[in-house]
C-alpha atoms as a PDB file:
ATOM      1  CA  MET A   1      -0.073  -0.008  -0.055  1.00  0.00           C
ATOM      2  CA  GLY A   2       1.464   3.366  -1.068  1.00  0.00           C
ATOM      3  CA  THR A   3       1.352   6.804   0.599  1.00  0.00           C
ATOM      4  CA  PRO A   4      -2.111   8.550   0.227  1.00  0.00           C
ATOM      5  CA  THR A   5      -2.078  11.478  -2.186  1.00  0.00           C
ATOM      6  CA  GLY A   6      -1.744  14.921  -0.601  1.00  0.00           C
ATOM      7  CA  ILE A   7       0.947  13.957   1.868  1.00  0.00           C
ATOM      8  CA  PRO A   8       3.876  16.355   1.672  1.00  0.00           C
ATOM      9  CA  ASP A   9       7.342  15.060   1.162  1.00  0.00           C
ATOM     10  CA  GLY A  10       9.134  14.005   4.323  1.00  0.00           C
ATOM     11  CA  PHE A  11       6.164  12.772   6.145  1.00  0.00           C
ATOM     12  CA  VAL A  12       5.963   9.118   6.955  1.00  0.00           C
ATOM     13  CA  ALA A  13       3.202   7.052   8.708  1.00  0.00           C
ATOM     14  CA  VAL A  14       3.970   5.995  12.138  1.00  0.00           C
ATOM     15  CA  GLU A  15       2.135   4.538  15.147  1.00  0.00           C
ATOM     16  CA  PRO A  16       2.137   7.213  17.751  1.00  0.00           C
ATOM     17  CA  ASP A  17       3.360   6.594  21.342  1.00  0.00           C
ATOM     18  CA  ASP A  18       0.296   8.433  22.657  1.00  0.00           C
ATOM     19  CA  PRO A  19      -2.911   6.462  22.268  1.00  0.00           C
ATOM     20  CA  PHE A  20      -5.057   9.430  22.083  1.00  0.00           C
ATOM     21  CA  GLU A  21      -3.082  10.825  19.272  1.00  0.00           C
ATOM     22  CA  GLY A  22      -3.576   7.574  17.407  1.00  0.00           C
ATOM     23  CA  VAL A  23      -7.272   7.679  17.884  1.00  0.00           C
ATOM     24  CA  ILE A  24      -7.721  11.073  16.258  1.00  0.00           C
ATOM     25  CA  GLY A  25      -5.125  10.273  13.456  1.00  0.00           C
ATOM     26  CA  VAL A  26      -2.091  12.097  14.372  1.00  0.00           C
ATOM     27  CA  CYS A  27      -0.100   9.454  12.514  1.00  0.00           C
ATOM     28  CA  TRP A  28       2.108  11.270  10.132  1.00  0.00           C
ATOM     29  CA  TYR A  29       5.627  12.493  11.272  1.00  0.00           C
ATOM     30  CA  ASN A  30       8.294  14.464   9.567  1.00  0.00           C
ATOM     31  CA  ASP A  31      11.810  14.411  11.211  1.00  0.00           C
ATOM     32  CA  MET A  32      13.152  17.652  10.146  1.00  0.00           C
ATOM     33  CA  GLY A  33      16.668  16.473  10.943  1.00  0.00           C
ATOM     34  CA  ASP A  34      17.597  19.486  13.196  1.00  0.00           C
ATOM     35  CA  GLY A  35      16.040  18.216  16.350  1.00  0.00           C
ATOM     36  CA  ARG A  36      12.468  18.929  15.307  1.00  0.00           C
ATOM     37  CA  ILE A  37       9.550  16.711  14.431  1.00  0.00           C
ATOM     38  CA  GLU A  38       6.476  17.966  12.841  1.00  0.00           C
ATOM     39  CA  VAL A  39       3.054  16.035  12.821  1.00  0.00           C
ATOM     40  CA  GLY A  40       0.308  15.732  10.364  1.00  0.00           C
ATOM     41  CA  VAL A  41      -3.184  14.681   9.991  1.00  0.00           C
ATOM     42  CA  LEU A  42      -4.859  13.662   6.663  1.00  0.00           C
ATOM     43  CA  ALA A  43      -8.265  15.086   7.399  1.00  0.00           C
ATOM     44  CA  ASP A  44     -11.326  12.793   6.717  1.00  0.00           C
ATOM     45  CA  GLU A  45     -15.059  12.760   7.762  1.00  0.00           C
ATOM     46  CA  ARG A  46     -14.166  11.685  11.261  1.00  0.00           C
ATOM     47  CA  HIS A  47     -12.250  14.909  11.900  1.00  0.00           C
ATOM     48  CA  ALA A  48     -15.207  17.252  10.748  1.00  0.00           C
ATOM     49  CA  ASN A  49     -17.606  19.017  13.092  1.00  0.00           C
ATOM     50  CA  GLU A  50     -21.356  19.282  12.475  1.00  0.00           C
ATOM     51  CA  TYR A  51     -20.505  22.096   9.970  1.00  0.00           C
ATOM     52  CA  GLY A  52     -18.118  20.121   7.751  1.00  0.00           C
ATOM     53  CA  TRP A  53     -15.130  21.919   9.035  1.00  0.00           C
ATOM     54  CA  ILE A  54     -12.165  20.027  10.804  1.00  0.00           C
ATOM     55  CA  HIS A  55     -12.926  20.209  14.480  1.00  0.00           C
ATOM     56  CA  GLY A  56     -10.874  22.577  16.396  1.00  0.00           C
ATOM     57  CA  GLY A  57     -10.047  19.868  18.924  1.00  0.00           C
ATOM     58  CA  VAL A  58      -8.248  17.972  16.200  1.00  0.00           C
ATOM     59  CA  MET A  59      -5.856  20.995  15.540  1.00  0.00           C
ATOM     60  CA  MET A  60      -5.350  21.752  19.329  1.00  0.00           C
ATOM     61  CA  THR A  61      -4.390  18.154  19.812  1.00  0.00           C
ATOM     62  CA  MET A  62      -1.834  18.327  16.923  1.00  0.00           C
ATOM     63  CA  ALA A  63      -0.293  21.486  18.335  1.00  0.00           C
ATOM     64  CA  ASP A  64      -0.183  20.080  21.863  1.00  0.00           C
ATOM     65  CA  ALA A  65       1.629  16.927  20.429  1.00  0.00           C
ATOM     66  CA  ALA A  66       4.103  19.082  18.399  1.00  0.00           C
ATOM     67  CA  LEU A  67       4.681  21.459  21.409  1.00  0.00           C
ATOM     68  CA  CYS A  68       5.587  18.374  23.689  1.00  0.00           C
ATOM     69  CA  MET A  69       7.639  16.698  21.006  1.00  0.00           C
ATOM     70  CA  ASN A  70       9.814  19.601  20.139  1.00  0.00           C
ATOM     71  CA  SER A  71      10.337  20.679  23.744  1.00  0.00           C
ATOM     72  CA  ARG A  72      12.478  17.696  24.473  1.00  0.00           C
ATOM     73  CA  TRP A  73      14.906  18.154  21.611  1.00  0.00           C
ATOM     74  CA  HIS A  74      14.586  14.369  20.971  1.00  0.00           C
ATOM     75  CA  ASP A  75      16.213  13.248  24.243  1.00  0.00           C
ATOM     76  CA  PRO A  76      14.638   9.745  24.472  1.00  0.00           C
ATOM     77  CA  ALA A  77      15.100   9.742  28.383  1.00  0.00           C
ATOM     78  CA  GLU A  78      13.143  13.014  28.805  1.00  0.00           C
ATOM     79  CA  GLY A  79       9.347  13.273  29.091  1.00  0.00           C
ATOM     80  CA  ALA A  80       7.202  16.130  28.664  1.00  0.00           C
ATOM     81  CA  ILE A  81       3.723  17.488  29.898  1.00  0.00           C
ATOM     82  CA  THR A  82       1.760  20.478  29.044  1.00  0.00           C
ATOM     83  CA  VAL A  83       1.427  23.043  32.004  1.00  0.00           C
ATOM     84  CA  SER A  84      -0.396  25.655  29.775  1.00  0.00           C
ATOM     85  CA  ALA A  85      -1.259  26.174  26.137  1.00  0.00           C
ATOM     86  CA  THR A  86      -2.988  29.031  24.239  1.00  0.00           C
ATOM     87  CA  SER A  87      -4.604  28.516  20.845  1.00  0.00           C
ATOM     88  CA  ASN A  88      -6.064  30.879  18.455  1.00  0.00           C
ATOM     89  CA  PHE A  89      -8.120  29.747  15.376  1.00  0.00           C
ATOM     90  CA  VAL A  90      -7.068  31.644  12.410  1.00  0.00           C
ATOM     91  CA  ALA A  91      -8.668  29.818   9.420  1.00  0.00           C
ATOM     92  CA  GLY A  92     -10.646  26.645   8.772  1.00  0.00           C
ATOM     93  CA  ALA A  93      -9.617  23.292   7.148  1.00  0.00           C
ATOM     94  CA  LYS A  94     -11.899  20.769   5.215  1.00  0.00           C
ATOM     95  CA  THR A  95     -11.886  17.029   4.785  1.00  0.00           C
ATOM     96  CA  GLY A  96      -9.163  16.004   2.305  1.00  0.00           C
ATOM     97  CA  ASP A  97      -6.786  18.696   3.756  1.00  0.00           C
ATOM     98  CA  PHE A  98      -3.442  17.665   4.979  1.00  0.00           C
ATOM     99  CA  LEU A  99      -2.763  19.436   8.267  1.00  0.00           C
ATOM    100  CA  GLU A 100       0.669  19.899   9.469  1.00  0.00           C
ATOM    101  CA  THR A 101       2.581  21.717  12.203  1.00  0.00           C
ATOM    102  CA  ARG A 102       5.337  24.135  12.109  1.00  0.00           C
ATOM    103  CA  THR A 103       7.035  24.379  15.574  1.00  0.00           C
ATOM    104  CA  ARG A 104       9.965  26.410  17.139  1.00  0.00           C
ATOM    105  CA  VAL A 105      11.327  26.346  20.670  1.00  0.00           C
ATOM    106  CA  VAL A 106      11.404  29.916  21.884  1.00  0.00           C
ATOM    107  CA  ARG A 107      13.266  29.225  25.169  1.00  0.00           C
ATOM    108  CA  ARG A 108      14.292  26.208  27.217  1.00  0.00           C
ATOM    109  CA  THR A 109      15.269  26.284  30.894  1.00  0.00           C
ATOM    110  CA  ARG A 110      16.134  23.265  33.340  1.00  0.00           C
ATOM    111  CA  GLN A 111      12.532  22.745  34.069  1.00  0.00           C
ATOM    112  CA  PHE A 112      10.369  24.187  31.189  1.00  0.00           C
ATOM    113  CA  SER A 113      10.304  24.695  27.585  1.00  0.00           C
ATOM    114  CA  PHE A 114       8.396  27.634  26.077  1.00  0.00           C
ATOM    115  CA  VAL A 115       7.347  26.523  22.500  1.00  0.00           C
ATOM    116  CA  ALA A 116       5.257  28.043  19.674  1.00  0.00           C
ATOM    117  CA  CYS A 117       3.383  26.118  16.972  1.00  0.00           C
ATOM    118  CA  GLU A 118       1.255  26.671  13.914  1.00  0.00           C
ATOM    119  CA  VAL A 119      -1.041  24.274  12.250  1.00  0.00           C
ATOM    120  CA  VAL A 120      -1.080  24.883   8.496  1.00  0.00           C
ATOM    121  CA  VAL A 121      -2.716  23.586   5.235  1.00  0.00           C
ATOM    122  CA  GLY A 122       0.044  24.427   2.788  1.00  0.00           C
ATOM    123  CA  ASP A 123       0.897  27.995   3.500  1.00  0.00           C
ATOM    124  CA  ARG A 124      -2.583  28.743   5.064  1.00  0.00           C
ATOM    125  CA  VAL A 125      -2.199  29.170   8.938  1.00  0.00           C
ATOM    126  CA  CYS A 126      -5.325  27.515  10.571  1.00  0.00           C
ATOM    127  CA  LEU A 127      -4.288  27.671  14.206  1.00  0.00           C
ATOM    128  CA  THR A 128      -1.583  29.313  16.109  1.00  0.00           C
ATOM    129  CA  SER A 129      -0.526  27.866  19.579  1.00  0.00           C
ATOM    130  CA  SER A 130       2.055  28.595  22.289  1.00  0.00           C
ATOM    131  CA  GLY A 131       2.704  26.495  25.185  1.00  0.00           C
ATOM    132  CA  VAL A 132       4.711  25.968  28.527  1.00  0.00           C
ATOM    133  CA  ILE A 133       5.930  22.527  28.718  1.00  0.00           C
ATOM    134  CA  LYS A 134       7.272  20.843  31.936  1.00  0.00           C
ATOM    135  CA  ARG A 135      10.437  18.842  31.199  1.00  0.00           C
ATOM    136  CA  LEU A 136      10.448  15.572  32.974  1.00  0.00           C
ATOM    137  CA  LEU A 137      13.970  14.767  33.486  1.00  0.00           C
ATOM    138  CA  PRO A 138      15.343  11.098  33.969  1.00  0.00           C
END
């Protein structure tokens, strides 16, 4: 079975470590090679709200996953949990769209990471998010 159409280069299908992320389809990852991982969702009918738009909870879950993954800088011994997150909806998405994250670590201390994220469809920003992530050191 090949890769579905509409999946950008670099994204590969994976089984997420977090069971909830798997349930809602956060199962596309792109290892950026510089200590960042971006996540993606190929939106279908199960992601849509009653109005036919992709549910905001899907986008917020994507952002939360990306905030935590990128807060650790890929240290396999380190965990991460969200202390706070703020999200703003900028534009909608529809079924058939591939939603992906673009994430950057703003600051990292011994106990916390401050991370910003956008959920996009192509060049269109659909959601902006920022979070404070507690680093769970080994």
